[in-house]
C-alpha atoms as a PDB file:
ATOM      1  CA  MET A   1      13.340  -5.063  16.674  1.00  0.00           C
ATOM      2  CA  ILE A   2      13.151  -1.617  15.095  1.00  0.00           C
ATOM      3  CA  GLN A   3      10.443  -0.287  17.395  1.00  0.00           C
ATOM      4  CA  VAL A   4      12.437  -1.142  20.522  1.00  0.00           C
ATOM      5  CA  ALA A   5      15.548   0.443  19.128  1.00  0.00           C
ATOM      6  CA  LYS A   6      13.550   3.556  18.256  1.00  0.00           C
ATOM      7  CA  ALA A   7      12.160   3.741  21.799  1.00  0.00           C
ATOM      8  CA  ASP A   8      15.713   3.570  23.243  1.00  0.00           C
ATOM      9  CA  CYS A   9      16.826   6.304  20.816  1.00  0.00           C
ATOM     10  CA  MET A  10      13.893   8.527  21.723  1.00  0.00           C
ATOM     11  CA  LYS A  11      14.576   8.039  25.432  1.00  0.00           C
ATOM     12  CA  GLY A  12      18.162   9.168  24.856  1.00  0.00           C
ATOM     13  CA  LYS A  13      16.782  12.352  23.300  1.00  0.00           C
ATOM     14  CA  GLY A  14      14.486  12.991  26.252  1.00  0.00           C
ATOM     15  CA  PHE A  15      11.224  11.745  24.729  1.00  0.00           C
ATOM     16  CA  ARG A  16       8.881   8.938  25.615  1.00  0.00           C
ATOM     17  CA  TYR A  17       7.989   6.500  22.849  1.00  0.00           C
ATOM     18  CA  VAL A  18       6.193   3.174  23.201  1.00  0.00           C
ATOM     19  CA  PRO A  19       7.206   0.371  20.800  1.00  0.00           C
ATOM     20  CA  TYR A  20       4.171  -0.374  18.708  1.00  0.00           C
ATOM     21  CA  VAL A  21       3.516  -2.564  15.703  1.00  0.00           C
ATOM     22  CA  ALA A  22       0.093  -2.537  14.101  1.00  0.00           C
ATOM     23  CA  ARG A  23      -1.589  -5.869  13.707  1.00  0.00           C
ATOM     24  CA  PRO A  24      -1.223  -7.311  10.213  1.00  0.00           C
ATOM     25  CA  GLU A  25      -4.256  -6.821   8.024  1.00  0.00           C
ATOM     26  CA  ILE A  26      -4.346 -10.482   7.054  1.00  0.00           C
ATOM     27  CA  SER A  27      -3.479 -13.620   8.975  1.00  0.00           C
ATOM     28  CA  GLU A  28      -0.630 -15.988   8.168  1.00  0.00           C
ATOM     29  CA  GLN A  29      -3.140 -18.552   6.936  1.00  0.00           C
ATOM     30  CA  ASP A  30      -4.882 -15.968   4.709  1.00  0.00           C
ATOM     31  CA  MET A  31      -1.543 -15.123   3.144  1.00  0.00           C
ATOM     32  CA  LYS A  32      -1.304 -18.701   1.830  1.00  0.00           C
ATOM     33  CA  THR A  33      -4.767 -18.810   0.305  1.00  0.00           C
ATOM     34  CA  PHE A  34      -7.187 -16.636  -1.675  1.00  0.00           C
ATOM     35  CA  ASP A  35     -10.790 -16.410  -0.527  1.00  0.00           C
ATOM     36  CA  TYR A  36     -12.848 -15.492  -3.600  1.00  0.00           C
ATOM     37  CA  ALA A  37     -16.077 -14.920  -1.660  1.00  0.00           C
ATOM     38  CA  ALA A  38     -14.338 -12.605   0.830  1.00  0.00           C
ATOM     39  CA  ALA A  39     -12.625 -10.726  -2.004  1.00  0.00           C
ATOM     40  CA  LYS A  40     -15.919 -10.267  -3.801  1.00  0.00           C
ATOM     41  CA  ALA A  41     -17.653  -8.948  -0.661  1.00  0.00           C
ATOM     42  CA  GLU A  42     -14.749  -6.522  -0.092  1.00  0.00           C
ATOM     43  CA  ARG A  43     -14.698  -5.254  -3.654  1.00  0.00           C
ATOM     44  CA  SER A  44     -18.496  -4.969  -3.798  1.00  0.00           C
ATOM     45  CA  LYS A  45     -18.347  -2.257  -1.116  1.00  0.00           C
ATOM     46  CA  TYR A  46     -14.875  -0.716  -1.316  1.00  0.00           C
ATOM     47  CA  GLY A  47     -13.559  -1.508  -4.810  1.00  0.00           C
ATOM     48  CA  PHE A  48      -9.791  -1.151  -4.470  1.00  0.00           C
ATOM     49  CA  ARG A  49     -10.164   1.221  -1.466  1.00  0.00           C
ATOM     50  CA  ILE A  50      -9.205   4.231  -3.548  1.00  0.00           C
ATOM     51  CA  PHE A  51     -12.351   6.373  -3.752  1.00  0.00           C
ATOM     52  CA  SER A  52     -13.876   4.628  -0.768  1.00  0.00           C
ATOM     53  CA  SER A  53     -11.684   6.575   1.622  1.00  0.00           C
ATOM     54  CA  PHE A  54     -13.608   9.745   0.614  1.00  0.00           C
ATOM     55  CA  VAL A  55     -17.004   8.009   0.940  1.00  0.00           C
ATOM     56  CA  TYR A  56     -16.236   6.241   4.247  1.00  0.00           C
ATOM     57  CA  PRO A  57     -13.739   8.521   5.957  1.00  0.00           C
ATOM     58  CA  ASP A  58     -13.560   6.399   9.091  1.00  0.00           C
ATOM     59  CA  LYS A  59     -10.731   6.675  11.552  1.00  0.00           C
ATOM     60  CA  SER A  60      -8.105   3.986  11.270  1.00  0.00           C
ATOM     61  CA  PRO A  61      -8.306   1.448  14.111  1.00  0.00           C
ATOM     62  CA  ASP A  62      -4.509   1.518  14.177  1.00  0.00           C
ATOM     63  CA  ASP A  63      -4.583   5.260  15.067  1.00  0.00           C
ATOM     64  CA  GLU A  64      -6.839   4.479  18.030  1.00  0.00           C
ATOM     65  CA  ALA A  65      -4.671   1.568  19.192  1.00  0.00           C
ATOM     66  CA  ASP A  66      -1.291   3.313  18.903  1.00  0.00           C
ATOM     67  CA  PRO A  67      -0.328   4.462  22.438  1.00  0.00           C
ATOM     68  CA  ASN A  68       1.945   7.168  21.018  1.00  0.00           C
ATOM     69  CA  VAL A  69      -1.086   9.133  19.799  1.00  0.00           C
ATOM     70  CA  ALA A  70      -1.978   9.838  23.453  1.00  0.00           C
ATOM     71  CA  ILE A  71       1.613  10.893  24.120  1.00  0.00           C
ATOM     72  CA  ILE A  72       1.723  13.654  21.508  1.00  0.00           C
ATOM     73  CA  VAL A  73      -1.846  14.905  21.731  1.00  0.00           C
ATOM     74  CA  ASP A  74      -1.121  17.424  24.490  1.00  0.00           C
ATOM     75  CA  LEU A  75       2.213  18.649  23.188  1.00  0.00           C
ATOM     76  CA  SER A  76       2.588  22.313  22.251  1.00  0.00           C
ATOM     77  CA  PRO A  77       3.425  23.112  18.598  1.00  0.00           C
ATOM     78  CA  ALA A  78       7.080  23.647  19.533  1.00  0.00           C
ATOM     79  CA  GLN A  79       7.221  20.406  21.541  1.00  0.00           C
ATOM     80  CA  LEU A  80       5.485  18.488  18.754  1.00  0.00           C
ATOM     81  CA  GLY A  81       7.970  19.776  16.198  1.00  0.00           C
ATOM     82  CA  ALA A  82      10.880  18.679  18.368  1.00  0.00           C
ATOM     83  CA  TYR A  83       9.225  15.286  18.949  1.00  0.00           C
ATOM     84  CA  LYS A  84       8.706  14.695  15.218  1.00  0.00           C
ATOM     85  CA  ARG A  85      12.280  15.678  14.379  1.00  0.00           C
ATOM     86  CA  ALA A  86      13.580  13.303  17.051  1.00  0.00           C
ATOM     87  CA  GLY A  87      11.271  10.559  15.764  1.00  0.00           C
ATOM     88  CA  GLU A  88      12.523  10.978  12.186  1.00  0.00           C
ATOM     89  CA  SER A  89      16.146  10.820  13.339  1.00  0.00           C
ATOM     90  CA  CYS A  90      15.489   7.783  15.548  1.00  0.00           C
ATOM     91  CA  ASP A  91      13.623   5.990  12.755  1.00  0.00           C
ATOM     92  CA  THR A  92      16.734   6.187  10.585  1.00  0.00           C
ATOM     93  CA  GLN A  93      19.093   5.198  13.398  1.00  0.00           C
ATOM     94  CA  ALA A  94      16.931   2.254  14.507  1.00  0.00           C
ATOM     95  CA  ILE A  95      16.483   0.911  11.005  1.00  0.00           C
ATOM     96  CA  ARG A  96      20.236   1.035  10.331  1.00  0.00           C
ATOM     97  CA  GLN A  97      20.994  -0.564  13.670  1.00  0.00           C
ATOM     98  CA  VAL A  98      18.558  -3.483  13.316  1.00  0.00           C
ATOM     99  CA  THR A  99      18.682  -4.235   9.590  1.00  0.00           C
ATOM    100  CA  GLY A 100      22.064  -2.922   8.523  1.00  0.00           C
ATOM    101  CA  LYS A 101      20.317  -1.165   5.645  1.00  0.00           C
ATOM    102  CA  ASN A 102      21.815   2.120   4.448  1.00  0.00           C
ATOM    103  CA  VAL A 103      18.731   4.318   4.551  1.00  0.00           C
ATOM    104  CA  LYS A 104      18.360   8.099   4.690  1.00  0.00           C
ATOM    105  CA  SER A 105      14.918   8.166   6.249  1.00  0.00           C
ATOM    106  CA  TYR A 106      11.869   6.098   7.118  1.00  0.00           C
ATOM    107  CA  GLU A 107      10.480   6.957   3.689  1.00  0.00           C
ATOM    108  CA  ASP A 108      13.686   5.832   2.003  1.00  0.00           C
ATOM    109  CA  TRP A 109      13.507   2.543   3.916  1.00  0.00           C
ATOM    110  CA  ALA A 110       9.887   1.929   2.864  1.00  0.00           C
ATOM    111  CA  THR A 111      10.743   2.852  -0.725  1.00  0.00           C
ATOM    112  CA  GLN A 112      13.679   0.449  -0.862  1.00  0.00           C
ATOM    113  CA  ALA A 113      11.520  -2.380   0.485  1.00  0.00           C
ATOM    114  CA  SER A 114       8.755  -1.657  -1.971  1.00  0.00           C
ATOM    115  CA  GLU A 115      11.170  -1.526  -4.891  1.00  0.00           C
ATOM    116  CA  MET A 116      12.694  -4.855  -3.898  1.00  0.00           C
ATOM    117  CA  VAL A 117       9.249  -6.461  -3.671  1.00  0.00           C
ATOM    118  CA  HIS A 118       8.441  -5.330  -7.176  1.00  0.00           C
ATOM    119  CA  ARG A 119      11.786  -6.490  -8.543  1.00  0.00           C
ATOM    120  CA  LEU A 120      11.266  -9.955  -7.096  1.00  0.00           C
ATOM    121  CA  TRP A 121       7.649 -10.073  -8.216  1.00  0.00           C
ATOM    122  CA  LYS A 122       8.673  -9.361 -11.815  1.00  0.00           C
ATOM    123  CA  ARG A 123      11.536 -11.826 -11.707  1.00  0.00           C
ATOM    124  CA  GLU A 124       9.698 -14.687  -9.984  1.00  0.00           C
ATOM    125  CA  LEU A 125       6.023 -14.195 -10.930  1.00  0.00           C
ATOM    126  CA  ASP A 126       6.421 -12.949 -14.485  1.00  0.00           C
ATOM    127  CA  GLY A 127       8.629 -15.966 -15.138  1.00  0.00           C
ATOM    128  CA  ASP A 128       6.172 -18.501 -13.770  1.00  0.00           C
ATOM    129  CA  PRO A 129       4.687 -20.499 -16.725  1.00  0.00           C
ATOM    130  CA  LYS A 130       1.428 -21.266 -14.937  1.00  0.00           C
ATOM    131  CA  LEU A 131       0.883 -17.636 -14.058  1.00  0.00           C
ATOM    132  CA  VAL A 132       1.743 -16.527 -17.597  1.00  0.00           C
ATOM    133  CA  GLU A 133      -0.936 -18.866 -18.920  1.00  0.00           C
ATOM    134  CA  LEU A 134      -3.560 -17.708 -16.425  1.00  0.00           C
ATOM    135  CA  ALA A 135      -2.718 -14.035 -16.923  1.00  0.00           C
ATOM    136  CA  SER A 136      -3.216 -14.415 -20.684  1.00  0.00           C
ATOM    137  CA  ALA A 137      -6.625 -15.996 -20.174  1.00  0.00           C
ATOM    138  CA  MET A 138      -7.565 -13.199 -17.790  1.00  0.00           C
ATOM    139  CA  ALA A 139      -6.534 -10.601 -20.363  1.00  0.00           C
ATOM    140  CA  ASP A 140      -8.738 -12.250 -22.985  1.00  0.00           C
ATOM    141  CA  CYS A 141     -11.658 -12.132 -20.595  1.00  0.00           C
ATOM    142  CA  LEU A 142     -11.133  -8.443 -19.815  1.00  0.00           C
ATOM    143  CA  THR A 143     -10.734  -7.576 -23.475  1.00  0.00           C
ATOM    144  CA  GLY A 144     -14.051  -9.279 -24.090  1.00  0.00           C
ATOM    145  CA  LYS A 145     -15.628  -6.945 -21.513  1.00  0.00           C
ATOM    146  CA  GLY A 146     -14.276  -3.918 -23.367  1.00  0.00           C
ATOM    147  CA  TYR A 147     -11.177  -3.172 -21.302  1.00  0.00           C
ATOM    148  CA  ARG A 148      -7.894  -2.221 -22.885  1.00  0.00           C
ATOM    149  CA  VAL A 149      -5.075  -4.467 -21.605  1.00  0.00           C
ATOM    150  CA  THR A 150      -1.601  -3.128 -22.407  1.00  0.00           C
ATOM    151  CA  SER A 151       0.403  -5.989 -20.831  1.00  0.00           C
ATOM    152  CA  THR A 152      -0.448  -9.633 -20.120  1.00  0.00           C
ATOM    153  CA  LYS A 153       2.483 -10.181 -17.735  1.00  0.00           C
ATOM    154  CA  PRO A 154       1.258 -11.597 -14.391  1.00  0.00           C
ATOM    155  CA  VAL A 155       2.408  -8.686 -12.250  1.00  0.00           C
ATOM    156  CA  ALA A 156       0.918  -6.122 -14.652  1.00  0.00           C
ATOM    157  CA  MET A 157      -2.380  -8.070 -14.738  1.00  0.00           C
ATOM    158  CA  SER A 158      -2.559  -8.077 -10.932  1.00  0.00           C
ATOM    159  CA  GLU A 159      -2.104  -4.279 -10.782  1.00  0.00           C
ATOM    160  CA  TRP A 160      -3.689  -2.836 -13.924  1.00  0.00           C
ATOM    161  CA  ALA A 161      -7.165  -2.150 -12.586  1.00  0.00           C
ATOM    162  CA  ALA A 162      -6.139  -0.484  -9.317  1.00  0.00           C
ATOM    163  CA  GLN A 163      -3.569   1.614 -11.193  1.00  0.00           C
ATOM    164  CA  MET A 164      -6.186   2.708 -13.700  1.00  0.00           C
ATOM    165  CA  VAL A 165      -8.541   3.846 -10.907  1.00  0.00           C
ATOM    166  CA  GLN A 166      -5.687   5.583  -9.098  1.00  0.00           C
ATOM    167  CA  SER A 167      -4.852   7.489 -12.321  1.00  0.00           C
ATOM    168  CA  GLU A 168      -8.474   8.570 -12.539  1.00  0.00           C
ATOM    169  CA  LEU A 169      -8.282   9.907  -8.974  1.00  0.00           C
ATOM    170  CA  GLN A 170      -5.170  11.907  -9.800  1.00  0.00           C
ATOM    171  CA  GLY A 171      -6.206  12.924 -13.313  1.00  0.00           C
ATOM    172  CA  GLY A 172      -6.863  16.583 -13.869  1.00  0.00           C
ATOM    173  CA  ARG A 173      -5.339  17.515 -10.554  1.00  0.00           C
ATOM    174  CA  LYS A 174      -1.858  18.378 -11.840  1.00  0.00           C
ATOM    175  CA  THR A 175      -0.433  21.846 -11.732  1.00  0.00           C
ATOM    176  CA  MET A 176       2.907  23.408 -12.567  1.00  0.00           C
ATOM    177  CA  THR A 177       5.433  24.419  -9.990  1.00  0.00           C
ATOM    178  CA  PRO A 178       6.009  28.200  -9.697  1.00  0.00           C
ATOM    179  CA  ASN A 179       9.233  28.014 -11.716  1.00  0.00           C
ATOM    180  CA  GLY A 180       7.533  25.888 -14.385  1.00  0.00           C
ATOM    181  CA  GLU A 181       9.937  22.979 -13.899  1.00  0.00           C
ATOM    182  CA  GLY A 182       7.312  20.249 -13.839  1.00  0.00           C
ATOM    183  CA  PRO A 183       3.960  18.961 -12.678  1.00  0.00           C
ATOM    184  CA  VAL A 184       3.066  18.336  -9.057  1.00  0.00           C
ATOM    185  CA  PHE A 185      -0.133  16.939  -7.589  1.00  0.00           C
ATOM    186  CA  LYS A 186      -2.371  19.220  -5.598  1.00  0.00           C
ATOM    187  CA  PRO A 187      -3.867  17.740  -2.403  1.00  0.00           C
ATOM    188  CA  ILE A 188      -6.892  15.793  -3.501  1.00  0.00           C
ATOM    189  CA  ASN A 189     -10.147  16.926  -1.957  1.00  0.00           C
ATOM    190  CA  ILE A 190     -13.447  15.680  -3.296  1.00  0.00           C
ATOM    191  CA  SER A 191     -16.853  15.497  -1.677  1.00  0.00           C
ATOM    192  CA  PRO A 192     -18.394  12.214  -0.568  1.00  0.00           C
ATOM    193  CA  ASP A 193     -21.146  12.631  -3.228  1.00  0.00           C
ATOM    194  CA  GLU A 194     -18.581  13.148  -6.029  1.00  0.00           C
ATOM    195  CA  ALA A 195     -16.451  10.289  -4.710  1.00  0.00           C
ATOM    196  CA  ARG A 196     -19.508   7.996  -4.615  1.00  0.00           C
ATOM    197  CA  ARG A 197     -19.983   8.367  -8.366  1.00  0.00           C
ATOM    198  CA  TYR A 198     -16.380   7.428  -8.960  1.00  0.00           C
ATOM    199  CA  LEU A 199     -16.578   4.597  -6.390  1.00  0.00           C
ATOM    200  CA  ASP A 200     -19.505   3.026  -8.230  1.00  0.00           C
ATOM    201  CA  LYS A 201     -17.349   2.861 -11.393  1.00  0.00           C
ATOM    202  CA  GLU A 202     -14.418   1.592  -9.362  1.00  0.00           C
ATOM    203  CA  ILE A 203     -16.515  -1.219  -7.870  1.00  0.00           C
ATOM    204  CA  LYS A 204     -17.606  -2.344 -11.341  1.00  0.00           C
ATOM    205  CA  VAL A 205     -13.981  -2.448 -12.561  1.00  0.00           C
ATOM    206  CA  ALA A 206     -12.949  -4.291  -9.384  1.00  0.00           C
ATOM    207  CA  LEU A 207     -15.650  -6.930  -9.795  1.00  0.00           C
ATOM    208  CA  ASP A 208     -14.978  -7.424 -13.494  1.00  0.00           C
ATOM    209  CA  ASP A 209     -11.266  -7.773 -12.728  1.00  0.00           C
ATOM    210  CA  LEU A 210     -12.030 -10.308  -9.990  1.00  0.00           C
ATOM    211  CA  GLU A 211     -14.367 -12.333 -12.191  1.00  0.00           C
ATOM    212  CA  CYS A 212     -11.913 -12.501 -15.061  1.00  0.00           C
ATOM    213  CA  GLY A 213      -9.159 -13.373 -12.601  1.00  0.00           C
ATOM    214  CA  LYS A 214     -11.116 -16.085 -10.799  1.00  0.00           C
ATOM    215  CA  GLN A 215      -8.463 -18.694 -11.721  1.00  0.00           C
ATOM    216  CA  PHE A 216      -5.534 -16.256 -11.693  1.00  0.00           C
ATOM    217  CA  TYR A 217      -5.794 -14.698  -8.231  1.00  0.00           C
ATOM    218  CA  PRO A 218      -5.802 -17.939  -6.178  1.00  0.00           C
ATOM    219  CA  VAL A 219      -2.414 -18.707  -7.722  1.00  0.00           C
ATOM    220  CA  ILE A 220      -0.724 -15.328  -7.738  1.00  0.00           C
ATOM    221  CA  VAL A 221      -1.862 -13.992  -4.366  1.00  0.00           C
ATOM    222  CA  PRO A 222      -0.132 -16.617  -2.192  1.00  0.00           C
ATOM    223  CA  LYS A 223       3.033 -16.395  -4.295  1.00  0.00           C
ATOM    224  CA  SER A 224       3.130 -12.616  -4.147  1.00  0.00           C
ATOM    225  CA  ASN A 225       2.481 -12.656  -0.407  1.00  0.00           C
ATOM    226  CA  GLU A 226       5.367 -15.060   0.121  1.00  0.00           C
ATOM    227  CA  VAL A 227       7.732 -12.734  -1.742  1.00  0.00           C
ATOM    228  CA  GLU A 228       6.526  -9.745   0.274  1.00  0.00           C
ATOM    229  CA  GLN A 229       6.983 -11.643   3.532  1.00  0.00           C
ATOM    230  CA  ARG A 230      10.571 -12.458   2.603  1.00  0.00           C
ATOM    231  CA  VAL A 231      11.350  -8.796   1.911  1.00  0.00           C
ATOM    232  CA  ASN A 232       9.568  -7.718   5.144  1.00  0.00           C
ATOM    233  CA  GLU A 233      11.795 -10.058   7.146  1.00  0.00           C
ATOM    234  CA  GLU A 234      14.907  -8.683   5.462  1.00  0.00           C
ATOM    235  CA  PHE A 235      13.860  -5.071   6.104  1.00  0.00           C
ATOM    236  CA  GLY A 236      12.555  -5.685   9.631  1.00  0.00           C
ATOM    237  CA  ILE A 237       9.016  -4.715   8.726  1.00  0.00           C
END
C-alpha cells in the first residue's frame, strides 16, 4: 500500500506521517449503476461542480478527516518546508516501490494514470456499437436545444458540457509570460455573486445534457467506472 510505504519513508527522514486514504466518493454498487434522480438533484444545485466551488466554498470533509492536517498545523515555516519536501520525495519513492511505475513525482503518477484512463476510454467506449448509437441520439437532442456538438463519439459526448463550462471559467483569464513565450492562467478569483450568475447557466447546461443523455448515461457510466477502477488498481490508487 502506497500510504504505508510513504509513512515508513517519512519516518526514516525523521517525520511523522499517518497512512490515510480518503473514502471513495461513490460506493462499489453505485459504480455499477447510474441513478438518474440522484444525478438530477446533484446537477440542479451544483451543475458540474465548476462554478459551485466559488458559490459554496465549504471545507472539504477529507481535509477535516485527514490526521496529517493536525500534524503540520503547528510547524514553523522552515519545518513545514522540510516536511513538504520530504513528503514529495517519499511520494515518489513509495509509488515506485509499490507499483513499479517509473514516476518523477506524485503529479506525474496522477497524470500517467489519468492519461491511461482516457486512452482506454477512447479505445473501449468509443468502439462500443451501443454507445455509439446512444451518443448519436444524444447529440441530435442537444442540437435540437441549440447546442453545438463537435463530436458524437461516446467519450466526447460524456465530457463536452463540463469542458465547455470549464473553458468559460478560464476564458479571458490568460496572460503572457514576462518573456512573451506563451499564455499562462492567472489564479482564478471571482466573487460568489459573479459565480452565481455563471452557476445558473452551468446548471441549465448540466440539466439539458442529463436530459438528452437519459438513455446514454446509464450505459456509459458503469463502463467508464469499470475502466477507471482497473487503472486505479494498476496504479495503486
